[in-house]
Amino acid sequence: MNSNGTGQTPITPDTFFLPQPVWSPNGNKIALRQDGPSGLADIWIMNKNGHGLTNLTSASTASDFDPDWGPAARKAHP
């Protein structure tokens, strides 16, 4: 996206809601809360282009909220 808001590129389908999105410190990933296969809210990450959606908390027996990045995320990853 350009600084004036033009040139936006959608990274998710129109029906996909991104609750609680949090950019990684290096700007390469987005953490978010999304309902998982169990119907409970899980924490997911995806690449900044919308690809590589990965569920991080699918084994949880309760809903997960408020994704955040720890100090290790400040390092650049390929």
N, C-alpha and C. Protein backbone atom coordinates (compact mmCIF):
# COMPACT_ATOMS: atom_id res chain seq x y z
N MET A 1 0.84 -1.17 0.00
CA MET A 1 0.00 0.00 0.00
C MET A 1 0.89 1.23 0.00
N ASN A 2 0.48 2.21 -0.72
CA ASN A 2 1.18 3.48 -0.74
C ASN A 2 0.86 4.29 0.51
N SER A 3 1.71 5.24 0.83
CA SER A 3 1.52 6.03 2.04
C SER A 3 0.21 6.82 2.05
N ASN A 4 -0.38 7.07 0.86
CA ASN A 4 -1.65 7.80 0.80
C ASN A 4 -2.86 6.87 0.82
N GLY A 5 -2.63 5.56 0.99
CA GLY A 5 -3.73 4.60 1.09
C GLY A 5 -4.11 3.94 -0.22
N THR A 6 -3.54 4.38 -1.34
CA THR A 6 -3.84 3.75 -2.62
C THR A 6 -2.95 2.51 -2.81
N GLY A 7 -3.30 1.70 -3.80
CA GLY A 7 -2.49 0.54 -4.11
C GLY A 7 -2.61 -0.59 -3.10
N GLN A 8 -3.76 -0.68 -2.43
CA GLN A 8 -3.95 -1.74 -1.44
C GLN A 8 -4.07 -3.10 -2.12
N THR A 9 -3.51 -4.12 -1.49
CA THR A 9 -3.60 -5.49 -1.97
C THR A 9 -4.24 -6.34 -0.89
N PRO A 10 -5.43 -6.93 -1.17
CA PRO A 10 -6.04 -7.78 -0.15
C PRO A 10 -5.17 -9.00 0.14
N ILE A 11 -5.08 -9.38 1.41
CA ILE A 11 -4.29 -10.57 1.76
C ILE A 11 -5.17 -11.70 2.26
N THR A 12 -6.47 -11.48 2.38
CA THR A 12 -7.40 -12.52 2.80
C THR A 12 -8.66 -12.42 1.95
N PRO A 13 -9.44 -13.51 1.88
CA PRO A 13 -10.73 -13.43 1.18
C PRO A 13 -11.64 -12.40 1.83
N ASP A 14 -12.61 -11.87 1.08
CA ASP A 14 -13.51 -10.84 1.60
C ASP A 14 -14.22 -11.25 2.88
N THR A 15 -14.50 -12.54 3.05
CA THR A 15 -15.26 -13.00 4.21
C THR A 15 -14.38 -13.30 5.40
N PHE A 16 -13.07 -13.19 5.26
CA PHE A 16 -12.15 -13.54 6.34
C PHE A 16 -11.95 -12.32 7.23
N PHE A 17 -12.27 -12.48 8.48
CA PHE A 17 -12.16 -11.39 9.46
C PHE A 17 -10.86 -11.56 10.23
N LEU A 18 -10.08 -10.52 10.39
CA LEU A 18 -8.80 -10.59 11.10
C LEU A 18 -8.91 -9.94 12.47
N PRO A 19 -9.44 -10.68 13.45
CA PRO A 19 -9.51 -10.08 14.78
C PRO A 19 -8.15 -10.03 15.46
N GLN A 20 -7.92 -8.96 16.14
CA GLN A 20 -6.70 -8.76 16.93
C GLN A 20 -5.41 -8.97 16.12
N PRO A 21 -5.29 -8.40 14.91
CA PRO A 21 -4.05 -8.60 14.16
C PRO A 21 -2.88 -7.84 14.80
N VAL A 22 -1.72 -8.47 14.82
CA VAL A 22 -0.52 -7.85 15.40
C VAL A 22 0.65 -8.13 14.45
N TRP A 23 1.24 -7.09 13.91
CA TRP A 23 2.41 -7.25 13.04
C TRP A 23 3.61 -7.67 13.87
N SER A 24 4.43 -8.56 13.32
CA SER A 24 5.68 -8.93 13.97
C SER A 24 6.61 -7.72 13.95
N PRO A 25 7.55 -7.63 14.88
CA PRO A 25 8.46 -6.48 14.91
C PRO A 25 9.26 -6.30 13.62
N ASN A 26 9.57 -7.41 12.92
CA ASN A 26 10.33 -7.27 11.68
C ASN A 26 9.42 -7.05 10.47
N GLY A 27 8.10 -7.05 10.67
CA GLY A 27 7.16 -6.75 9.60
C GLY A 27 6.92 -7.87 8.61
N ASN A 28 7.38 -9.08 8.89
CA ASN A 28 7.23 -10.19 7.96
C ASN A 28 6.02 -11.07 8.22
N LYS A 29 5.46 -11.02 9.42
CA LYS A 29 4.36 -11.91 9.81
C LYS A 29 3.26 -11.11 10.49
N ILE A 30 2.08 -11.71 10.52
CA ILE A 30 0.95 -11.15 11.26
C ILE A 30 0.43 -12.26 12.17
N ALA A 31 0.27 -11.96 13.45
CA ALA A 31 -0.37 -12.88 14.38
C ALA A 31 -1.82 -12.43 14.51
N LEU A 32 -2.74 -13.37 14.67
CA LEU A 32 -4.15 -13.03 14.77
C LEU A 32 -4.91 -14.09 15.55
N ARG A 33 -6.10 -13.73 15.97
CA ARG A 33 -7.01 -14.68 16.60
C ARG A 33 -8.06 -15.06 15.57
N GLN A 34 -8.30 -16.35 15.45
CA GLN A 34 -9.29 -16.85 14.49
C GLN A 34 -9.84 -18.16 15.02
N ASP A 35 -11.11 -18.44 14.77
CA ASP A 35 -11.68 -19.71 15.20
C ASP A 35 -10.96 -20.86 14.51
N GLY A 36 -10.64 -21.88 15.29
CA GLY A 36 -9.97 -23.06 14.77
C GLY A 36 -10.97 -24.15 14.46
N PRO A 37 -10.47 -25.33 14.07
CA PRO A 37 -11.34 -26.44 13.70
C PRO A 37 -12.25 -26.89 14.85
N SER A 38 -11.82 -26.68 16.09
CA SER A 38 -12.61 -27.10 17.24
C SER A 38 -13.74 -26.13 17.56
N GLY A 39 -13.76 -24.98 16.88
CA GLY A 39 -14.75 -23.95 17.18
C GLY A 39 -14.28 -22.97 18.24
N LEU A 40 -13.13 -23.26 18.86
CA LEU A 40 -12.54 -22.36 19.85
C LEU A 40 -11.63 -21.37 19.13
N ALA A 41 -11.44 -20.20 19.72
CA ALA A 41 -10.53 -19.22 19.16
C ALA A 41 -9.10 -19.69 19.36
N ASP A 42 -8.31 -19.65 18.30
CA ASP A 42 -6.90 -20.03 18.33
C ASP A 42 -6.04 -18.85 17.89
N ILE A 43 -4.75 -18.92 18.18
CA ILE A 43 -3.79 -17.94 17.69
C ILE A 43 -3.14 -18.51 16.44
N TRP A 44 -3.13 -17.72 15.40
CA TRP A 44 -2.57 -18.11 14.10
C TRP A 44 -1.49 -17.09 13.72
N ILE A 45 -0.60 -17.49 12.83
CA ILE A 45 0.33 -16.55 12.19
C ILE A 45 0.24 -16.75 10.68
N MET A 46 0.56 -15.72 9.95
CA MET A 46 0.64 -15.82 8.50
C MET A 46 1.69 -14.85 7.99
N ASN A 47 2.15 -15.11 6.78
CA ASN A 47 3.09 -14.20 6.14
C ASN A 47 2.38 -12.90 5.80
N LYS A 48 3.13 -11.85 5.60
CA LYS A 48 2.53 -10.54 5.34
C LYS A 48 1.73 -10.51 4.03
N ASN A 49 1.96 -11.48 3.13
CA ASN A 49 1.21 -11.55 1.88
C ASN A 49 -0.06 -12.38 2.01
N GLY A 50 -0.35 -12.90 3.22
CA GLY A 50 -1.56 -13.68 3.45
C GLY A 50 -1.37 -15.18 3.29
N HIS A 51 -0.22 -15.61 2.83
CA HIS A 51 0.05 -17.05 2.65
C HIS A 51 0.67 -17.62 3.92
N GLY A 52 0.67 -18.96 4.00
CA GLY A 52 1.34 -19.63 5.11
C GLY A 52 0.59 -19.54 6.42
N LEU A 53 -0.74 -19.52 6.38
CA LEU A 53 -1.53 -19.45 7.61
C LEU A 53 -1.27 -20.71 8.44
N THR A 54 -0.82 -20.52 9.69
CA THR A 54 -0.46 -21.62 10.57
C THR A 54 -1.11 -21.45 11.93
N ASN A 55 -1.79 -22.49 12.39
CA ASN A 55 -2.43 -22.48 13.70
C ASN A 55 -1.39 -22.84 14.76
N LEU A 56 -1.18 -21.95 15.73
CA LEU A 56 -0.19 -22.17 16.78
C LEU A 56 -0.76 -22.82 18.03
N THR A 57 -2.08 -22.72 18.25
CA THR A 57 -2.64 -23.17 19.52
C THR A 57 -3.76 -24.19 19.35
N SER A 58 -3.71 -25.01 18.32
CA SER A 58 -4.81 -25.93 18.05
C SER A 58 -5.00 -26.98 19.13
N ALA A 59 -3.99 -27.25 19.94
CA ALA A 59 -4.11 -28.27 20.99
C ALA A 59 -4.73 -27.71 22.26
N SER A 60 -5.00 -26.44 22.28
CA SER A 60 -5.56 -25.81 23.48
C SER A 60 -6.99 -26.27 23.72
N THR A 61 -7.37 -26.39 24.98
CA THR A 61 -8.73 -26.81 25.34
C THR A 61 -9.61 -25.62 25.71
N ALA A 62 -9.10 -24.43 25.48
CA ALA A 62 -9.86 -23.20 25.75
C ALA A 62 -9.57 -22.21 24.63
N SER A 63 -10.39 -21.20 24.52
CA SER A 63 -10.15 -20.17 23.52
C SER A 63 -8.92 -19.35 23.89
N ASP A 64 -8.19 -18.94 22.87
CA ASP A 64 -6.97 -18.15 23.06
C ASP A 64 -7.19 -16.76 22.46
N PHE A 65 -6.69 -15.75 23.14
CA PHE A 65 -6.91 -14.36 22.72
C PHE A 65 -5.61 -13.56 22.85
N ASP A 66 -5.63 -12.36 22.32
CA ASP A 66 -4.57 -11.37 22.47
C ASP A 66 -3.19 -11.86 22.03
N PRO A 67 -3.03 -12.17 20.74
CA PRO A 67 -1.70 -12.56 20.27
C PRO A 67 -0.70 -11.43 20.46
N ASP A 68 0.54 -11.79 20.65
CA ASP A 68 1.61 -10.81 20.82
C ASP A 68 2.92 -11.47 20.41
N TRP A 69 3.95 -10.70 20.24
CA TRP A 69 5.26 -11.19 19.84
C TRP A 69 6.23 -11.03 20.98
N GLY A 70 7.05 -12.06 21.23
CA GLY A 70 8.07 -12.00 22.25
C GLY A 70 9.37 -11.45 21.70
N PRO A 71 10.39 -11.33 22.54
CA PRO A 71 11.68 -10.76 22.15
C PRO A 71 12.35 -11.50 20.99
N ALA A 72 12.18 -12.81 20.88
CA ALA A 72 12.82 -13.56 19.79
C ALA A 72 12.32 -13.13 18.41
N ALA A 73 11.11 -12.58 18.34
CA ALA A 73 10.55 -12.14 17.05
C ALA A 73 11.25 -10.91 16.51
N ARG A 74 12.05 -10.24 17.30
CA ARG A 74 12.75 -9.04 16.85
C ARG A 74 13.89 -9.36 15.91
N LYS A 75 14.29 -10.63 15.85
CA LYS A 75 15.36 -11.05 14.95
C LYS A 75 14.76 -11.30 13.57
N ALA A 76 15.50 -10.95 12.56
CA ALA A 76 15.03 -11.17 11.18
C ALA A 76 15.06 -12.66 10.86
N HIS A 77 13.99 -13.13 10.26
CA HIS A 77 13.91 -14.53 9.82
C HIS A 77 13.66 -14.53 8.32
N PRO A 78 14.16 -15.53 7.62
CA PRO A 78 13.94 -15.57 6.17
C PRO A 78 12.49 -15.75 5.81
